Protein backbone atom coordinates (compact mmCIF):
# COMPACT_ATOMS: atom_id res chain seq x y z
CA UNK A 1 -18.21 5.60 -33.38
CA UNK A 2 -14.82 4.85 -31.91
CA UNK A 3 -14.12 4.74 -28.19
CA UNK A 4 -11.85 7.77 -28.41
CA UNK A 5 -14.60 9.89 -29.95
CA UNK A 6 -17.15 8.78 -27.35
CA UNK A 7 -15.01 9.10 -24.26
CA UNK A 8 -12.63 11.95 -25.16
CA UNK A 9 -13.59 14.03 -22.12
CA UNK A 10 -13.14 11.11 -19.72
CA UNK A 11 -9.76 10.29 -21.20
CA UNK A 12 -8.68 13.93 -21.01
CA UNK A 13 -9.55 14.14 -17.32
CA UNK A 14 -7.81 10.81 -16.68
CA UNK A 15 -4.63 11.94 -18.44
CA UNK A 16 -4.65 15.24 -16.52
CA UNK A 17 -5.09 13.37 -13.25
CA UNK A 18 -2.31 10.94 -13.99
CA UNK A 19 -0.12 13.88 -15.00
CA UNK A 20 -0.72 15.45 -11.58
CA UNK A 21 0.18 12.19 -9.84
CA UNK A 22 3.34 11.74 -11.89
CA UNK A 23 4.28 15.39 -11.36
CA UNK A 24 3.89 15.03 -7.60
CA UNK A 25 6.04 11.90 -7.55
CA UNK A 26 8.71 13.46 -9.75
CA UNK A 27 9.09 16.64 -7.72
CA UNK A 28 9.33 14.79 -4.44
CA UNK A 29 9.34 16.30 -0.98
CA UNK A 30 12.12 17.46 1.26
CA UNK A 31 12.66 19.21 4.55
CA UNK A 32 14.21 22.67 4.29
CA UNK A 33 16.95 23.82 6.65
CA UNK A 34 14.45 25.70 8.79
CA UNK A 35 12.43 22.48 9.33
CA UNK A 36 9.63 23.29 6.89
CA UNK A 37 8.32 20.51 4.64
CA UNK A 38 8.53 21.51 0.98
CA UNK A 39 6.30 19.60 -1.42
CA UNK A 40 3.81 20.24 -4.20
CA UNK A 41 0.83 19.17 -2.08
CA UNK A 42 -1.72 20.83 -4.37
CA UNK A 43 -1.26 18.12 -6.99
CA UNK A 44 -2.72 15.40 -4.76
CA UNK A 45 -6.26 16.86 -4.51
CA UNK A 46 -6.09 17.78 -8.19
CA UNK A 47 -5.39 14.14 -9.01
CA UNK A 48 -8.46 13.01 -7.06
CA UNK A 49 -10.60 15.76 -8.59
CA UNK A 50 -9.62 14.83 -12.15
CA UNK A 51 -10.15 11.13 -11.38
CA UNK A 52 -13.65 11.85 -10.05
CA UNK A 53 -14.46 14.03 -13.07
CA UNK A 54 -13.23 11.27 -15.36
CA UNK A 55 -15.51 8.70 -13.72
CA UNK A 56 -18.52 11.04 -13.81
CA UNK A 57 -17.91 11.96 -17.46
CA UNK A 58 -17.57 8.28 -18.35
CA UNK A 59 -20.86 7.40 -16.63
CA UNK A 60 -22.70 10.32 -18.22
CA UNK A 61 -21.40 9.37 -21.67
CA UNK A 62 -22.40 5.76 -21.16
CA UNK A 63 -25.94 6.70 -20.06
CA UNK A 64 -26.39 9.13 -22.95
CA UNK A 65 -25.21 6.57 -25.53
CA UNK A 66 -27.44 3.87 -24.06
CA UNK A 67 -30.54 6.09 -24.37
CA UNK A 68 -29.76 7.39 -27.87
CA UNK A 69 -28.50 4.19 -29.42
């Protein structure tokens, strides 16, 4: 079984997380004329959430494959 077939969920979460991080860095942040900070802050916690889900999915997959194989 190839690595991609085993860890497809972990890789999907990792790619989504990296996409959030890249999206946050590409949009940038600026201060509006009224003094309000404008940024896409919601992408930062999403990055950490997807990274955590990726690690958990990787560990679960590794434990399941160790027991079955």
